[in-house]
Amino acid sequence: MNNNPEYLRQQFDTTQQSSASGFKNGQRTFDTSPSLLRMFQGNPSQQISTQIRSFDYSAALGTSNGYIKNQGLNQSPRLMDALNSVLNTQNQNQRSALELLETEEKCQYHLKEQNIAVDDETGTFACNKCVFEKKIQKPLFMATFARQTKKRFDEMYEKLLQNITSVEDLTPSLISQRIQSQIQDFFSAIYLQMKEIERDVLNQVKSSTKLKELAYMIETLNAQFDEELLHRLEVERNVLNDKVDRARFGYIVSRKQYYKDLIKEMEGFNIQLSSKIETSGQLLTDLIAVKIDRLQIYDRLYDLVEHQVMINNENIERKAPPPAQELSLLSLNGRKNDDFISPFKTPQDRKMNGRVEENKSQGSSQNSDNENLQSINTFYTLRGNDILRTSLSTNLTDKLFTVTHSFSPRVAFTQKGKVFLIGGSLDQGQNQLIKNTFELVFGKTGRSTRRRSSQNHQQEPWLVEKSSMNLARIAFGCAVDNYGEKIFAIGGTVGLQQPTNQGEYYEVASNTWMQLPSLNEAKFSHSLCIFNDTQLFSFGGFDQHLQLSTKIERIHLDGMEPRWEIINVQLPIPVSSAGGFQIIDSEIVIFGGWDQQNLNSCFILKSETPSTFSIQEEDECHLAQPDLFLFTGALRMDLDKREIIVSGQDYIHKFNEKERGFEIVKKIE
């Protein structure tokens, strides 16, 4: 065996290069740091220290200081210091001795014999004869030791390379992907199981005897109708209307028996139909009864998550559920601003925020417009599926209409007495969103465009279908301008946990929806406010992470290239479904809303310059009762008393501009 030190070093380098080559053949490449092969070229200690120092853990963690620095770990010994220390123990004298030994590798006692062993205690080398003559007491055979050392070295070297690979893989983006993947896998598993349960429920319904009875009943009812007969009755009705309108009563009297018999038969037919309809309703009730307790659902789902998901070895923090109409956390690619058509194309269209200016130069046309603004005297609120109407004249609230075509649409009403139902969902689970727009009208309408409410009385209003939104959505910010001409629909949700930043507005006169530029932040359950007739503000709501936001955005609707911008101040507290209106040329009052519960807080957003704002809480300006506001813009203003009346979900509120305070006008019930 060759004891020459240079030979031993060459063997070491050969072994090292072989391991590195094998690792390279395994498709491993070093993109961000040199391989360990280079560590041992030149000065090993210097090479290793340089590489460890050059790895920026702070940057990898994505913070300015880094987790390691924040935790005080930057003062700890580097991981490879001990390895460097061992490599540095070979001084020049030891290297010379090793080189001499590698050159000779001859026995000092038997010069023609090669050394095959070494004394494990004294380090004396010996040949085969020396071992036989027992010149060394504890022989360690060099071939066995060298092979074992090489094997162990290779194992540790490969392990070191694997660990370096693992360190390089610990990037913020990869960690984020892994976390998101785990969370998505968990909730996907829940969703798949829910779909399986849904299929089981549907299959049981399909096989129900009550469903078969109901199907037979519906078929029987449909068979009762004769289009020709209905047409003849309609003609007879028109004849009666004509004779009565022209005072041709003799014609009717001369056919009195005919009309008596006809009315009697219709009465009997209506009794039979009513009975069958009632029976059908009872069959449907008996077929399936679904109790939707959103709070119980919320709690049960949280129970499931708490038992299977832990963060920092602790159960997740349970939060209170949001309001019923905003419970579902339902984006499509945004449209370009090129599609946007400004609601205010010319300076003549810019109006004065619904207030009669003292400047007499405004002219009679301006005053005429403002007279329309003062005419609002009735507020409309969606409570469950019922639209409640509250009149300020009578101080009474009544149930006006029951919505049957959708769940949770936005109810928007204008200063000109028009009422619209916009968007919503076909099901209570809010899985089938719609983009329909309906106007709630009174009086006679064409048969083809109207929808009946659940109670089929002659004086009830009808739904007349209008142009649909460009995007099906729910829980969107909704407001009407100061003249009842345009209704804005901004943001909202377009799918499960998918808030959108897209917006549009409805032109009442032309029955047309127009595209608006997209918000900077996708959100839902936020609020809108018109400012000086040409600006629109958006504030609060839930963001894309389903967290309440404090950001405020603004858009100049009359700009050449309008776009949303985030202003320099934020809401003092996170809030959704707050109310808001302008009180003077430079101030907006923001009030109420929801954060775990209905709020009564009040803030004043003030325009200091065209591009800067300030915001402060008004202690004396809070609501008399907490409330939330799903629709803004429709106000009742008394310019003489400087009072503004606005409707929330539970109360009608009055704001006195001089005293800067709210009071209750009426509870909606």
Foldseek 3Di string as FASTA:
>chain_A
DFQALVVVVVVVLVLVVVLVVVVVVVVDDDDPFDDCNVCPPDQNLVSVVVRQVPDDQQVQVPHPQRPCVVVVNVPPDDPCPVVSVVVPPCDPVNSNVSRVGRHQQAQPVHRVFGWFWAAPPPRHTDGPVCVVVVVHPHTDGPVVVVVVVSVVVSVVSVVVVVVVVVVVCSGPVNVVVVVVVVVVVVVVVVVVVVVVVVVVVVVVLVPDPLVVVLVVLVVVLVVVDDPVVVVVVVVVVVVVVVCVVVVVVVVCVVCVVVVVVVVVVVVVVVVVSVVSVVVSVVSVCVSDDDDDDPQVVLVVVLVVQQVPDDDPNHGDDDAFADDLLQRFQWEDDFDDLVQFDFPDADPVPQAQQLDDDPPPVVDDVNVVLSVLLQQDFWDWFCDWQWIWIAGNVVRDIDTQAGDQQFGQFDWDAFSNGKIKTAKHARDSNRAHIFFWMWIWAFDDDDPVFWDDGPDHDNGHTTTGTFDGEPAGFHQFAWEAGSRNQKIKTAWGHRGGLRIYQWIWMAGVVVSDIGTHAGAPWRFGLWYWEQASRQKIKIAWGATSVRDIFFWMWMWGSNDPRIDIDTADDTHPDGFGQWAWYAQDNFWMKTAWGDDSHIGFWIKIWGDPDPRHIDMDTDPQATEPDGFGHRYYHRWNADVVQSKIWDDTNFFIWIARSVVNYIDTPHTRD
